[in-house]
Amino acid sequence: MGRIATVMTGLFCLAAALVSGPASSAERRTLIIAGGEVTGYYFPVAGAICRIINKERPHGMTCAVVPSSGSAANLALLRSGDADLALVQSRAAAQAVVGEEGFKEAGPMPDLRALMALHGEVAVVVARPGSGIEQLGDLKGKRVNLGRPGSFQRAMAETVVDASGLSQGDLSVLVELDMAEQATELCQGNIDAAVLTGIHPMAEVQTAIEECGATLVPIRSKSMDSFLKKSPAVSRFVVRGGTYEGQKEDVAALGLKTLLVADRLPSEVVADVVKAIWANFGAFTRLHPVLRGLTKTEATRDGIPIRFHEGAERDGR
């Protein structure tokens, strides 16, 4: 009888282990963040978030990044449940919530929520020397490159024109050059100004400055406040003095923020993730150059056109 009791005790312990095993795995599950192209900026920024999560293990979780082709793909991964978090451009997030533009076929994502804002893609106006363009209103009657129709560069250039209070009809000539052509055409005097958007410093802007002394034009206007109210996905940025050779002062700019979003994560999980990032915020912003200079205020205000996740609000942003 003693042997039978021993066997029964062993079977009971094995069963207990099998029952408790899956629960422990669930507690240690991996959060998947949809990033972007491995050679781009979204992927390493998502990696920086994962480093903080893997350090703090909020809610007992670990983290991993999956590559993608960008915002639309990331939102599709969220929608399918193949990702828990995603990096998404602010304008794409706003369109996805209501199912507009490229999200009509898939339908709206009304539960999409922001946890915080990260780095931005910033538009600047670059003017050639002798163009007479010192402020945004001076673009009137000038030859301005807005970029190829349908491109992101074109969309941002049109945003800058709208923010200036001008219309495309106010330009002398509307030019449609690719990004790579702009510095050459500007320095040869074939255009007066160009709108370029990206992560600064941009090689194209630096080339124009080095080759012909081009200058950055502050993006300010009397209609800016009303424009931003109508365009909540767009926010003010500053290109810091010293970003480009010879640029001594800060230059006002406009851009779109990158958002960390979720659509089905429980509030308590989101609260723990956000708390982990805030607790390591200084270290987090040093993990990649595009995050340097990011403040908690910038991460929680302006240019965030969708609702904040309840868990993020609980953390006291």
Protein backbone atom coordinates (compact mmCIF):
# COMPACT_ATOMS: atom_id res chain seq x y z
CA MET A 1 0.00 0.00 0.00
CA GLY A 2 2.89 2.34 0.66
CA ARG A 3 4.12 1.97 -2.95
CA ILE A 4 0.64 2.73 -4.33
CA ALA A 5 0.41 5.81 -2.14
CA THR A 6 3.79 6.98 -3.40
CA VAL A 7 2.72 6.52 -7.05
CA MET A 8 -0.56 8.36 -6.43
CA THR A 9 1.29 11.22 -4.75
CA GLY A 10 3.64 11.46 -7.74
CA LEU A 11 0.74 11.54 -10.23
CA PHE A 12 -0.95 14.26 -8.18
CA CYS A 13 2.21 16.39 -8.23
CA LEU A 14 2.58 15.88 -12.00
CA ALA A 15 -1.03 16.93 -12.58
CA ALA A 16 -0.53 20.00 -10.40
CA ALA A 17 2.54 20.93 -12.38
CA LEU A 18 0.67 20.56 -15.68
CA VAL A 19 -2.16 22.71 -14.41
CA SER A 20 0.11 25.45 -13.07
CA GLY A 21 2.45 25.43 -16.10
CA PRO A 22 0.13 27.14 -18.63
CA ALA A 23 -0.87 29.79 -16.08
CA SER A 24 2.75 30.73 -15.51
CA SER A 25 3.34 30.88 -19.28
CA ALA A 26 0.34 33.15 -19.66
CA GLU A 27 1.74 35.48 -17.04
CA ARG A 28 5.07 35.55 -18.90
CA ARG A 29 3.56 36.01 -22.38
CA THR A 30 5.35 38.11 -24.96
CA LEU A 31 3.98 41.43 -26.11
CA ILE A 32 4.40 41.83 -29.86
CA ILE A 33 5.10 45.33 -31.21
CA ALA A 34 4.57 45.94 -34.92
CA GLY A 35 7.54 48.05 -36.00
CA GLY A 36 8.47 48.96 -39.57
CA GLU A 37 11.22 48.44 -42.11
CA VAL A 38 14.36 47.05 -40.44
CA THR A 39 16.39 49.78 -42.15
CA GLY A 40 13.99 52.56 -41.11
CA TYR A 41 13.23 54.34 -37.84
CA TYR A 42 10.10 52.58 -36.57
CA PHE A 43 11.83 49.23 -36.09
CA PRO A 44 14.68 50.44 -33.81
CA VAL A 45 12.30 52.72 -31.87
CA ALA A 46 10.02 49.72 -31.26
CA GLY A 47 13.17 47.88 -30.18
CA ALA A 48 13.89 50.63 -27.64
CA ILE A 49 10.40 50.16 -26.18
CA CYS A 50 11.01 46.42 -25.96
CA ARG A 51 14.30 46.96 -24.14
CA ILE A 52 12.44 48.87 -21.42
CA ILE A 53 9.67 46.26 -21.21
CA ASN A 54 12.17 43.40 -21.07
CA LYS A 55 14.09 45.21 -18.33
CA GLU A 56 11.06 45.95 -16.14
CA ARG A 57 8.93 42.89 -17.03
CA PRO A 58 5.63 44.73 -16.38
CA HIS A 59 2.87 42.26 -15.56
CA GLY A 60 5.51 39.54 -15.96
CA MET A 61 5.67 40.13 -19.71
CA THR A 62 8.48 40.13 -22.23
CA CYS A 63 8.50 41.94 -25.58
CA ALA A 64 9.48 41.33 -29.21
CA VAL A 65 9.37 43.41 -32.40
CA VAL A 66 8.06 42.24 -35.77
CA PRO A 67 9.11 44.09 -38.94
CA SER A 68 6.54 45.46 -41.38
CA SER A 69 6.15 47.85 -44.30
CA GLY A 70 4.88 50.73 -42.12
CA SER A 71 1.79 52.26 -40.53
CA ALA A 72 -0.89 50.56 -42.66
CA ALA A 73 0.71 47.14 -42.20
CA ASN A 74 1.07 47.74 -38.47
CA LEU A 75 -2.60 48.60 -38.15
CA ALA A 76 -3.50 45.44 -40.08
CA LEU A 77 -1.41 43.41 -37.62
CA LEU A 78 -3.26 45.01 -34.71
CA ARG A 79 -6.61 44.37 -36.37
CA SER A 80 -5.82 40.68 -36.93
CA GLY A 81 -4.52 40.21 -33.38
CA ASP A 82 -1.02 39.36 -34.60
CA ALA A 83 0.38 42.36 -32.71
CA ASP A 84 -0.47 43.87 -29.32
CA LEU A 85 1.12 47.28 -29.87
CA ALA A 86 2.14 49.21 -32.98
CA LEU A 87 3.96 52.31 -34.13
CA VAL A 88 1.71 54.36 -36.39
CA GLN A 89 1.91 57.80 -37.99
CA SER A 90 -0.59 60.20 -36.41
CA ARG A 91 -2.49 60.91 -39.65
CA ALA A 92 -2.83 57.20 -40.41
CA ALA A 93 -4.14 56.59 -36.89
CA ALA A 94 -6.81 59.27 -37.30
CA GLN A 95 -7.87 57.84 -40.66
CA ALA A 96 -7.98 54.27 -39.33
CA VAL A 97 -10.26 55.15 -36.41
CA VAL A 98 -13.01 56.35 -38.77
CA GLY A 99 -12.16 54.16 -41.76
CA GLU A 100 -11.15 56.90 -44.18
CA GLU A 101 -8.70 57.06 -47.10
CA GLY A 102 -6.75 53.79 -47.32
CA PHE A 103 -8.76 52.20 -44.50
CA LYS A 104 -12.21 52.32 -46.15
CA GLU A 105 -12.17 48.71 -47.31
CA ALA A 106 -11.03 47.27 -43.97
CA GLY A 107 -13.44 49.49 -42.06
CA PRO A 108 -13.01 51.73 -38.99
CA MET A 109 -11.03 50.85 -35.86
CA PRO A 110 -13.06 52.73 -33.22
CA ASP A 111 -11.17 51.10 -30.33
CA LEU A 112 -7.74 52.27 -31.48
CA ARG A 113 -6.07 54.16 -28.64
CA ALA A 114 -2.80 56.03 -28.10
CA LEU A 115 -0.38 55.23 -25.31
CA MET A 116 2.04 58.06 -26.13
CA ALA A 117 3.67 60.02 -28.94
CA LEU A 118 7.27 59.44 -29.97
CA HIS A 119 9.47 61.03 -32.64
CA GLY A 120 8.13 63.08 -35.53
CA GLU A 121 8.51 63.36 -39.30
CA VAL A 122 9.12 67.07 -39.71
CA ALA A 123 8.55 69.30 -42.74
CA VAL A 124 10.87 72.24 -43.46
CA VAL A 125 10.92 74.88 -46.17
CA VAL A 126 14.33 75.32 -47.80
CA ALA A 127 14.90 78.49 -49.86
CA ARG A 128 17.71 79.36 -52.25
CA PRO A 129 19.80 82.47 -51.61
CA GLY A 130 18.46 85.55 -53.34
CA SER A 131 14.93 84.13 -53.54
CA GLY A 132 13.53 86.80 -51.22
CA ILE A 133 11.86 84.12 -49.13
CA GLU A 134 12.35 84.87 -45.45
CA GLN A 135 8.93 83.92 -44.10
CA LEU A 136 6.16 81.58 -45.13
CA GLY A 137 4.04 84.27 -46.81
CA ASP A 138 6.94 85.01 -49.17
CA LEU A 139 6.19 81.77 -51.02
CA LYS A 140 3.44 83.61 -52.88
CA GLY A 141 4.42 84.06 -56.50
CA LYS A 142 7.44 81.76 -56.17
CA ARG A 143 8.49 78.52 -57.87
CA VAL A 144 8.03 75.88 -55.17
CA ASN A 145 8.61 72.14 -55.35
CA LEU A 146 5.84 70.17 -53.62
CA GLY A 147 6.94 66.70 -54.71
CA ARG A 148 5.36 63.92 -56.73
CA PRO A 149 1.54 63.58 -56.58
CA GLY A 150 0.45 60.83 -54.20
CA SER A 151 3.73 60.81 -52.27
CA PHE A 152 4.14 61.48 -48.57
CA GLN A 153 6.40 64.41 -49.45
CA ARG A 154 3.59 65.93 -51.52
CA ALA A 155 1.02 65.46 -48.76
CA MET A 156 3.25 67.21 -46.25
CA ALA A 157 4.11 70.02 -48.68
CA GLU A 158 0.40 70.63 -49.25
CA THR A 159 -0.03 70.69 -45.46
CA VAL A 160 2.61 73.43 -45.18
CA VAL A 161 0.97 75.48 -47.94
CA ASP A 162 -2.41 75.17 -46.23
CA ALA A 163 -0.91 76.15 -42.89
CA SER A 164 0.64 79.25 -44.46
CA GLY A 165 -2.78 80.58 -45.41
CA LEU A 166 -1.88 80.37 -49.10
CA SER A 167 -3.28 78.11 -51.79
CA GLN A 168 -1.42 76.20 -54.47
CA GLY A 169 -2.78 78.74 -56.95
CA ASP A 170 -0.79 81.45 -55.15
CA LEU A 171 2.47 79.84 -56.26
CA SER A 172 4.04 81.07 -59.49
CA VAL A 173 4.93 77.52 -60.51
CA LEU A 174 4.07 74.30 -58.70
CA VAL A 175 6.97 71.90 -59.31
CA GLU A 176 6.81 68.10 -58.87
CA LEU A 177 10.39 66.91 -58.37
CA ASP A 178 11.55 63.79 -56.55
CA MET A 179 13.35 64.30 -53.25
CA ALA A 180 16.76 63.48 -54.75
CA GLU A 181 16.44 66.22 -57.40
CA GLN A 182 15.54 69.11 -55.14
CA ALA A 183 18.93 70.30 -53.87
CA THR A 184 20.39 70.41 -57.38
CA GLU A 185 17.41 72.25 -58.88
CA LEU A 186 17.35 74.68 -55.97
CA CYS A 187 21.05 75.51 -56.21
CA GLN A 188 20.88 75.89 -59.98
CA GLY A 189 18.13 78.48 -59.55
CA ASN A 190 15.43 76.43 -61.28
CA ILE A 191 13.18 76.58 -58.20
CA ASP A 192 12.98 79.11 -55.39
CA ALA A 193 12.02 76.82 -52.53
CA ALA A 194 11.26 73.23 -51.67
CA VAL A 195 9.39 71.49 -48.86
CA LEU A 196 11.24 68.47 -47.48
CA THR A 197 9.96 66.12 -44.80
CA GLY A 198 11.80 63.52 -42.76
CA ILE A 199 13.94 62.86 -39.70
CA HIS A 200 16.42 65.68 -39.19
CA PRO A 201 19.18 66.20 -40.05
CA MET A 202 18.25 65.24 -43.64
CA ALA A 203 21.00 64.70 -46.20
CA GLU A 204 19.00 66.59 -48.85
CA VAL A 205 18.72 69.69 -46.68
CA GLN A 206 22.40 69.56 -45.72
CA THR A 207 23.39 69.26 -49.39
CA ALA A 208 21.42 72.38 -50.33
CA ILE A 209 23.00 74.32 -47.46
CA GLU A 210 26.52 73.20 -48.31
CA GLU A 211 26.29 73.63 -52.09
CA CYS A 212 24.65 77.03 -52.34
CA GLY A 213 23.97 78.46 -48.90
CA ALA A 214 20.27 77.58 -48.83
CA THR A 215 18.37 78.57 -45.69
CA LEU A 216 15.53 77.17 -43.60
CA VAL A 217 12.37 79.30 -43.56
CA PRO A 218 10.37 79.32 -40.27
CA ILE A 219 6.93 77.77 -40.69
CA ARG A 220 4.78 80.37 -38.96
CA SER A 221 1.61 82.19 -40.00
CA LYS A 222 -1.32 84.15 -38.58
CA SER A 223 -3.63 81.28 -39.51
CA MET A 224 -1.51 78.58 -37.85
CA ASP A 225 -3.63 78.17 -34.70
CA SER A 226 -6.87 77.77 -36.64
CA PHE A 227 -5.17 75.38 -39.07
CA LEU A 228 -3.93 73.14 -36.24
CA LYS A 229 -7.39 73.04 -34.66
CA LYS A 230 -8.74 71.71 -37.95
CA SER A 231 -5.80 69.32 -38.38
CA PRO A 232 -5.26 67.56 -35.02
CA ALA A 233 -2.82 65.03 -36.53
CA VAL A 234 -0.37 67.86 -37.33
CA SER A 235 1.73 69.49 -34.63
CA ARG A 236 4.37 72.16 -34.20
CA PHE A 237 8.01 71.12 -34.14
CA VAL A 238 11.33 72.91 -33.84
CA VAL A 239 14.49 72.14 -35.78
CA ARG A 240 17.06 72.91 -33.11
CA GLY A 241 19.87 75.34 -33.76
CA GLY A 242 23.00 73.49 -34.81
CA THR A 243 21.09 70.71 -36.53
CA TYR A 244 22.55 71.96 -39.81
CA GLU A 245 25.85 73.66 -40.56
CA GLY A 246 25.50 77.40 -40.13
CA GLN A 247 22.06 77.13 -38.53
CA LYS A 248 22.48 78.99 -35.25
CA GLU A 249 18.86 79.48 -34.19
CA ASP A 250 15.87 77.20 -33.71
CA VAL A 251 13.54 77.08 -36.73
CA ALA A 252 9.78 76.58 -36.40
CA ALA A 253 8.42 73.62 -38.36
CA LEU A 254 5.40 71.32 -38.73
CA GLY A 255 5.15 67.56 -38.73
CA LEU A 256 3.38 64.33 -37.90
CA LYS A 257 4.13 62.36 -34.75
CA THR A 258 4.73 58.65 -34.44
CA LEU A 259 2.25 57.13 -31.99
CA LEU A 260 2.47 54.00 -29.87
CA VAL A 261 -1.05 52.52 -30.15
CA ALA A 262 -3.14 49.51 -29.11
CA ASP A 263 -6.71 48.44 -29.69
CA ARG A 264 -7.41 45.48 -27.43
CA LEU A 265 -4.87 45.39 -24.62
CA PRO A 266 -6.40 45.40 -21.12
CA SER A 267 -6.06 48.66 -19.22
CA GLU A 268 -3.97 47.13 -16.45
CA VAL A 269 -1.42 45.85 -18.98
CA VAL A 270 -1.23 49.22 -20.75
CA ALA A 271 -0.83 50.99 -17.40
CA ASP A 272 2.12 48.77 -16.49
CA VAL A 273 3.79 49.27 -19.89
CA VAL A 274 3.42 53.04 -19.75
CA LYS A 275 4.58 53.14 -16.14
CA ALA A 276 7.72 51.19 -17.12
CA ILE A 277 8.54 53.66 -19.91
CA TRP A 278 7.97 56.71 -17.70
CA ALA A 279 10.14 55.20 -14.95
CA ASN A 280 12.99 54.78 -17.45
CA PHE A 281 12.23 57.77 -19.64
CA GLY A 282 15.71 59.30 -19.59
CA ALA A 283 17.36 56.01 -20.53
CA PHE A 284 14.65 55.35 -23.12
CA THR A 285 15.30 58.61 -24.98
CA ARG A 286 19.00 57.74 -25.19
CA LEU A 287 18.41 54.39 -26.88
CA HIS A 288 18.09 55.89 -30.38
CA PRO A 289 19.04 59.31 -31.84
CA VAL A 290 15.48 60.10 -33.01
CA LEU A 291 14.25 59.90 -29.41
CA ARG A 292 16.80 62.36 -28.04
CA GLY A 293 15.19 65.56 -26.87
CA LEU A 294 11.74 63.97 -26.53
CA THR A 295 9.97 65.26 -23.42
CA LYS A 296 7.06 63.81 -21.47
CA THR A 297 5.01 66.84 -22.44
CA GLU A 298 5.65 66.24 -26.15
CA ALA A 299 4.83 62.56 -25.64
CA THR A 300 1.39 63.31 -24.24
CA ARG A 301 0.18 66.52 -25.90
CA ASP A 302 -0.52 67.96 -29.37
CA GLY A 303 -0.51 66.07 -32.61
CA ILE A 304 -2.30 63.07 -31.05
CA PRO A 305 -5.63 62.92 -32.94
CA ILE A 306 -7.07 59.78 -31.33
CA ARG A 307 -8.19 59.09 -27.78
CA PHE A 308 -5.72 58.02 -25.12
CA HIS A 309 -5.98 54.48 -23.82
CA GLU A 310 -7.66 54.29 -20.44
CA GLY A 311 -4.61 52.51 -19.05
CA ALA A 312 -2.34 55.34 -20.17
CA GLU A 313 -4.63 57.86 -18.50
CA ARG A 314 -4.59 55.85 -15.30
CA ASP A 315 -0.84 56.21 -15.18
CA GLY A 316 -1.32 59.93 -14.68
CA ARG A 317 0.12 61.33 -17.89
